[in-house]
Amino acid sequence: MMKKFGVLVVFFMGWGTLGAQQLTRFAVVDMAKVYTAFFRESRAVREFEERSRQVQVEIDRMTEEIQELRLSHAGAAARGDREQALRLENEVNRRSEYLKEYYQLKTAELENQKNRLARSSAFLDQILTEIRYIAESEGYTMVLSLKDNTSIIWYSPTVDITDKLIQSLSAKAGR
């Protein structure tokens, strides 16, 4: 009888160990939060923001010049200098059209650059490497993106590794 009991204990211990080995642990990551916290401060994004600022400065400069020409045009029209008024009106129209084309071109260029940044393979590779490291070191067998997976109905905050990922990326970036 004692032998049968011992066999049952060993059997259930083995079953418990087998079940523990098959335990699947999930983690979640909020990629938008990672982007906002880490990638936004990267060199590539800072360069993009600087380029955006420079384009805006140029647009502001051209707009101011057009405003000055409009004031000069109004002054020439008030003085009755038709030739000067016509010349200034043509210049305002020419510069306004150029500004419109410049704005459209630069906006498209900046939008393309922004899209390339968001899909940057170097950035994604860096994130995936860090996710893999955190998942393996903490025993997670699967990491899901909160925003991409609409089938996540509920999760415990204890499986959210977003902040760990941000801290790890920041530490490796020397921040």
C-alpha atoms as a PDB file:
ATOM      1  CA  MET A   1       0.000   0.000   0.000  1.00  0.00           C
ATOM      2  CA  MET A   2       2.803   2.393   0.899  1.00  0.00           C
ATOM      3  CA  LYS A   3       4.534   1.520  -2.368  1.00  0.00           C
ATOM      4  CA  LYS A   4       1.403   2.412  -4.381  1.00  0.00           C
ATOM      5  CA  PHE A   5       1.077   5.693  -2.475  1.00  0.00           C
ATOM      6  CA  GLY A   6       4.715   6.540  -3.229  1.00  0.00           C
ATOM      7  CA  VAL A   7       4.190   5.787  -6.914  1.00  0.00           C
ATOM      8  CA  LEU A   8       1.111   8.073  -6.975  1.00  0.00           C
ATOM      9  CA  VAL A   9       3.041  10.889  -5.253  1.00  0.00           C
ATOM     10  CA  VAL A  10       5.901  10.562  -7.753  1.00  0.00           C
ATOM     11  CA  PHE A  11       3.372  10.447 -10.621  1.00  0.00           C
ATOM     12  CA  PHE A  12       1.590  13.617  -9.503  1.00  0.00           C
ATOM     13  CA  MET A  13       4.888  15.380  -8.813  1.00  0.00           C
ATOM     14  CA  GLY A  14       6.023  14.480 -12.315  1.00  0.00           C
ATOM     15  CA  TRP A  15       2.710  15.661 -13.757  1.00  0.00           C
ATOM     16  CA  GLY A  16       3.008  18.949 -11.861  1.00  0.00           C
ATOM     17  CA  THR A  17       6.554  19.446 -13.130  1.00  0.00           C
ATOM     18  CA  LEU A  18       5.479  18.658 -16.685  1.00  0.00           C
ATOM     19  CA  GLY A  19       2.631  21.179 -16.417  1.00  0.00           C
ATOM     20  CA  ALA A  20       4.979  23.838 -15.058  1.00  0.00           C
ATOM     21  CA  GLN A  21       7.340  23.369 -17.983  1.00  0.00           C
ATOM     22  CA  GLN A  22       4.540  24.065 -20.454  1.00  0.00           C
ATOM     23  CA  LEU A  23       3.421  27.276 -18.787  1.00  0.00           C
ATOM     24  CA  THR A  24       3.147  30.079 -21.343  1.00  0.00           C
ATOM     25  CA  ARG A  25       3.819  33.620 -20.150  1.00  0.00           C
ATOM     26  CA  PHE A  26       2.653  36.594 -22.168  1.00  0.00           C
ATOM     27  CA  ALA A  27       3.776  40.207 -22.070  1.00  0.00           C
ATOM     28  CA  VAL A  28       2.391  43.311 -23.758  1.00  0.00           C
ATOM     29  CA  VAL A  29       4.093  46.425 -25.139  1.00  0.00           C
ATOM     30  CA  ASP A  30       2.546  49.778 -26.026  1.00  0.00           C
ATOM     31  CA  MET A  31       4.625  50.686 -29.099  1.00  0.00           C
ATOM     32  CA  ALA A  32       3.113  54.179 -29.347  1.00  0.00           C
ATOM     33  CA  LYS A  33       4.343  54.922 -25.825  1.00  0.00           C
ATOM     34  CA  VAL A  34       7.796  53.563 -26.710  1.00  0.00           C
ATOM     35  CA  TYR A  35       7.919  55.777 -29.794  1.00  0.00           C
ATOM     36  CA  THR A  36       6.832  58.838 -27.866  1.00  0.00           C
ATOM     37  CA  ALA A  37       9.253  58.256 -25.005  1.00  0.00           C
ATOM     38  CA  PHE A  38      12.330  57.062 -26.841  1.00  0.00           C
ATOM     39  CA  PHE A  39      12.368  57.450 -30.600  1.00  0.00           C
ATOM     40  CA  ARG A  40      11.051  60.985 -30.492  1.00  0.00           C
ATOM     41  CA  GLU A  41      14.287  62.082 -28.815  1.00  0.00           C
ATOM     42  CA  SER A  42      16.544  60.259 -31.270  1.00  0.00           C
ATOM     43  CA  ARG A  43      19.004  62.017 -33.560  1.00  0.00           C
ATOM     44  CA  ALA A  44      16.957  61.229 -36.688  1.00  0.00           C
ATOM     45  CA  VAL A  45      13.821  62.774 -35.225  1.00  0.00           C
ATOM     46  CA  ARG A  46      15.720  65.799 -33.944  1.00  0.00           C
ATOM     47  CA  GLU A  47      17.087  66.289 -37.475  1.00  0.00           C
ATOM     48  CA  PHE A  48      13.562  65.979 -38.895  1.00  0.00           C
ATOM     49  CA  GLU A  49      12.238  68.528 -36.419  1.00  0.00           C
ATOM     50  CA  GLU A  50      15.116  70.896 -37.236  1.00  0.00           C
ATOM     51  CA  ARG A  51      14.387  70.556 -40.952  1.00  0.00           C
ATOM     52  CA  SER A  52      10.698  71.227 -40.272  1.00  0.00           C
ATOM     53  CA  ARG A  53      11.664  74.309 -38.282  1.00  0.00           C
ATOM     54  CA  GLN A  54      13.915  75.558 -41.097  1.00  0.00           C
ATOM     55  CA  VAL A  55      11.152  75.091 -43.661  1.00  0.00           C
ATOM     56  CA  GLN A  56       8.749  77.012 -41.429  1.00  0.00           C
ATOM     57  CA  VAL A  57      11.276  79.838 -41.004  1.00  0.00           C
ATOM     58  CA  GLU A  58      11.620  80.056 -44.798  1.00  0.00           C
ATOM     59  CA  ILE A  59       7.832  80.062 -45.256  1.00  0.00           C
ATOM     60  CA  ASP A  60       7.494  82.802 -42.629  1.00  0.00           C
ATOM     61  CA  ARG A  61      10.211  84.846 -44.355  1.00  0.00           C
ATOM     62  CA  MET A  62       8.526  84.568 -47.758  1.00  0.00           C
ATOM     63  CA  THR A  63       5.121  85.390 -46.263  1.00  0.00           C
ATOM     64  CA  GLU A  64       6.556  88.507 -44.637  1.00  0.00           C
ATOM     65  CA  GLU A  65       8.111  89.619 -47.936  1.00  0.00           C
ATOM     66  CA  ILE A  66       4.768  89.155 -49.687  1.00  0.00           C
ATOM     67  CA  GLN A  67       3.046  91.206 -46.986  1.00  0.00           C
ATOM     68  CA  GLU A  68       5.595  94.006 -47.455  1.00  0.00           C
ATOM     69  CA  LEU A  69       5.034  93.921 -51.216  1.00  0.00           C
ATOM     70  CA  ARG A  70       1.266  94.140 -50.655  1.00  0.00           C
ATOM     71  CA  LEU A  71       1.771  97.198 -48.456  1.00  0.00           C
ATOM     72  CA  SER A  72       3.978  98.768 -51.129  1.00  0.00           C
ATOM     73  CA  HIS A  73       1.347  97.930 -53.751  1.00  0.00           C
ATOM     74  CA  ALA A  74      -1.362  99.604 -51.650  1.00  0.00           C
ATOM     75  CA  GLY A  75       0.879 102.668 -51.247  1.00  0.00           C
ATOM     76  CA  ALA A  76       1.549 102.878 -54.992  1.00  0.00           C
ATOM     77  CA  ALA A  77      -2.149 102.491 -55.763  1.00  0.00           C
ATOM     78  CA  ALA A  78      -3.006 105.229 -53.243  1.00  0.00           C
ATOM     79  CA  ARG A  79      -0.452 107.582 -54.868  1.00  0.00           C
ATOM     80  CA  GLY A  80      -1.921 106.808 -58.292  1.00  0.00           C
ATOM     81  CA  ASP A  81       1.309 105.251 -59.604  1.00  0.00           C
ATOM     82  CA  ARG A  82      -0.326 102.641 -61.832  1.00  0.00           C
ATOM     83  CA  GLU A  83       2.896 101.342 -63.353  1.00  0.00           C
ATOM     84  CA  GLN A  84       4.466 100.720 -59.936  1.00  0.00           C
ATOM     85  CA  ALA A  85       1.179  99.248 -58.607  1.00  0.00           C
ATOM     86  CA  LEU A  86       0.945  96.844 -61.570  1.00  0.00           C
ATOM     87  CA  ARG A  87       4.577  95.791 -61.215  1.00  0.00           C
ATOM     88  CA  LEU A  88       4.116  95.167 -57.464  1.00  0.00           C
ATOM     89  CA  GLU A  89       0.855  93.294 -58.035  1.00  0.00           C
ATOM     90  CA  ASN A  90       2.618  90.992 -60.525  1.00  0.00           C
ATOM     91  CA  GLU A  91       5.453  90.460 -58.054  1.00  0.00           C
ATOM     92  CA  VAL A  92       2.993  89.625 -55.250  1.00  0.00           C
ATOM     93  CA  ASN A  93       1.223  87.117 -57.511  1.00  0.00           C
ATOM     94  CA  ARG A  94       4.506  85.541 -58.663  1.00  0.00           C
ATOM     95  CA  ARG A  95       5.855  85.198 -55.116  1.00  0.00           C
ATOM     96  CA  SER A  96       2.520  83.950 -53.759  1.00  0.00           C
ATOM     97  CA  GLU A  97       2.437  81.228 -56.407  1.00  0.00           C
ATOM     98  CA  TYR A  98       6.044  80.300 -55.616  1.00  0.00           C
ATOM     99  CA  LEU A  99       5.228  80.165 -51.900  1.00  0.00           C
ATOM    100  CA  LYS A 100       2.269  77.899 -52.572  1.00  0.00           C
ATOM    101  CA  GLU A 101       4.407  75.503 -54.647  1.00  0.00           C
ATOM    102  CA  TYR A 102       7.249  75.627 -52.101  1.00  0.00           C
ATOM    103  CA  TYR A 103       4.836  74.848 -49.276  1.00  0.00           C
ATOM    104  CA  GLN A 104       3.312  71.889 -51.112  1.00  0.00           C
ATOM    105  CA  LEU A 105       6.709  70.474 -52.102  1.00  0.00           C
ATOM    106  CA  LYS A 106       8.273  70.845 -48.655  1.00  0.00           C
ATOM    107  CA  THR A 107       5.188  69.486 -46.910  1.00  0.00           C
ATOM    108  CA  ALA A 108       5.299  66.384 -49.112  1.00  0.00           C
ATOM    109  CA  GLU A 109       9.050  65.963 -48.515  1.00  0.00           C
ATOM    110  CA  LEU A 110       8.630  66.287 -44.742  1.00  0.00           C
ATOM    111  CA  GLU A 111       5.704  63.850 -44.732  1.00  0.00           C
ATOM    112  CA  ASN A 112       7.777  61.288 -46.648  1.00  0.00           C
ATOM    113  CA  GLN A 113      10.687  61.745 -44.264  1.00  0.00           C
ATOM    114  CA  LYS A 114       8.360  61.340 -41.278  1.00  0.00           C
ATOM    115  CA  ASN A 115       6.921  58.133 -42.741  1.00  0.00           C
ATOM    116  CA  ARG A 116      10.418  56.746 -43.366  1.00  0.00           C
ATOM    117  CA  LEU A 117      11.337  57.525 -39.763  1.00  0.00           C
ATOM    118  CA  ALA A 118       8.282  55.718 -38.435  1.00  0.00           C
ATOM    119  CA  ARG A 119       9.174  52.649 -40.493  1.00  0.00           C
ATOM    120  CA  SER A 120      12.895  52.872 -39.814  1.00  0.00           C
ATOM    121  CA  SER A 121      14.298  49.360 -39.757  1.00  0.00           C
ATOM    122  CA  ALA A 122      17.163  50.408 -37.481  1.00  0.00           C
ATOM    123  CA  PHE A 123      14.681  51.688 -34.895  1.00  0.00           C
ATOM    124  CA  LEU A 124      12.483  48.601 -35.181  1.00  0.00           C
ATOM    125  CA  ASP A 125      15.505  46.291 -35.032  1.00  0.00           C
ATOM    126  CA  GLN A 126      16.679  48.018 -31.859  1.00  0.00           C
ATOM    127  CA  ILE A 127      13.238  47.658 -30.275  1.00  0.00           C
ATOM    128  CA  LEU A 128      12.900  44.013 -31.286  1.00  0.00           C
ATOM    129  CA  THR A 129      16.343  43.216 -29.901  1.00  0.00           C
ATOM    130  CA  GLU A 130      15.425  44.787 -26.562  1.00  0.00           C
ATOM    131  CA  ILE A 131      12.030  43.078 -26.467  1.00  0.00           C
ATOM    132  CA  ARG A 132      13.718  39.737 -27.154  1.00  0.00           C
ATOM    133  CA  TYR A 133      16.241  40.350 -24.364  1.00  0.00           C
ATOM    134  CA  ILE A 134      13.581  41.354 -21.810  1.00  0.00           C
ATOM    135  CA  ALA A 135      11.281  38.481 -22.793  1.00  0.00           C
ATOM    136  CA  GLU A 136      14.027  35.854 -22.597  1.00  0.00           C
ATOM    137  CA  SER A 137      15.513  37.172 -19.363  1.00  0.00           C
ATOM    138  CA  GLU A 138      12.110  37.346 -17.645  1.00  0.00           C
ATOM    139  CA  GLY A 139      10.674  34.108 -19.047  1.00  0.00           C
ATOM    140  CA  TYR A 140       8.039  35.459 -21.419  1.00  0.00           C
ATOM    141  CA  THR A 141       7.247  33.178 -24.333  1.00  0.00           C
ATOM    142  CA  MET A 142       5.207  35.733 -26.279  1.00  0.00           C
ATOM    143  CA  VAL A 143       5.064  39.540 -26.437  1.00  0.00           C
ATOM    144  CA  LEU A 144       2.012  41.217 -27.961  1.00  0.00           C
ATOM    145  CA  SER A 145       1.578  44.782 -29.167  1.00  0.00           C
ATOM    146  CA  LEU A 146      -1.280  46.487 -27.352  1.00  0.00           C
ATOM    147  CA  LYS A 147      -2.333  48.641 -30.286  1.00  0.00           C
ATOM    148  CA  ASP A 148      -1.903  46.091 -33.084  1.00  0.00           C
ATOM    149  CA  ASN A 149      -3.758  43.236 -31.445  1.00  0.00           C
ATOM    150  CA  THR A 150      -7.403  44.131 -31.070  1.00  0.00           C
ATOM    151  CA  SER A 151      -8.231  40.743 -29.565  1.00  0.00           C
ATOM    152  CA  ILE A 152      -6.619  41.623 -26.223  1.00  0.00           C
ATOM    153  CA  ILE A 153      -9.628  42.244 -24.027  1.00  0.00           C
ATOM    154  CA  TRP A 154      -7.869  42.472 -20.688  1.00  0.00           C
ATOM    155  CA  TYR A 155      -4.357  42.131 -19.328  1.00  0.00           C
ATOM    156  CA  SER A 156      -2.723  42.537 -15.985  1.00  0.00           C
ATOM    157  CA  PRO A 157      -0.407  45.540 -15.684  1.00  0.00           C
ATOM    158  CA  THR A 158       2.208  43.114 -14.369  1.00  0.00           C
ATOM    159  CA  VAL A 159       2.722  41.779 -17.911  1.00  0.00           C
ATOM    160  CA  ASP A 160       3.159  45.226 -19.472  1.00  0.00           C
ATOM    161  CA  ILE A 161       6.876  45.540 -20.219  1.00  0.00           C
ATOM    162  CA  THR A 162       6.607  48.925 -21.967  1.00  0.00           C
ATOM    163  CA  ASP A 163       8.365  50.872 -19.211  1.00  0.00           C
ATOM    164  CA  LYS A 164      11.136  48.263 -18.939  1.00  0.00           C
ATOM    165  CA  LEU A 165      11.639  48.500 -22.688  1.00  0.00           C
ATOM    166  CA  ILE A 166      11.846  52.309 -22.575  1.00  0.00           C
ATOM    167  CA  GLN A 167      14.307  52.186 -19.664  1.00  0.00           C
ATOM    168  CA  SER A 168      16.464  49.627 -21.457  1.00  0.00           C
ATOM    169  CA  LEU A 169      16.482  51.588 -24.724  1.00  0.00           C
ATOM    170  CA  SER A 170      17.291  54.797 -22.852  1.00  0.00           C
ATOM    171  CA  ALA A 171      20.111  53.146 -20.925  1.00  0.00           C
ATOM    172  CA  LYS A 172      21.664  51.818 -24.123  1.00  0.00           C
ATOM    173  CA  ALA A 173      21.312  55.230 -25.763  1.00  0.00           C
ATOM    174  CA  GLY A 174      23.203  56.777 -22.839  1.00  0.00           C
ATOM    175  CA  ARG A 175      20.367  58.890 -21.455  1.00  0.00           C
END
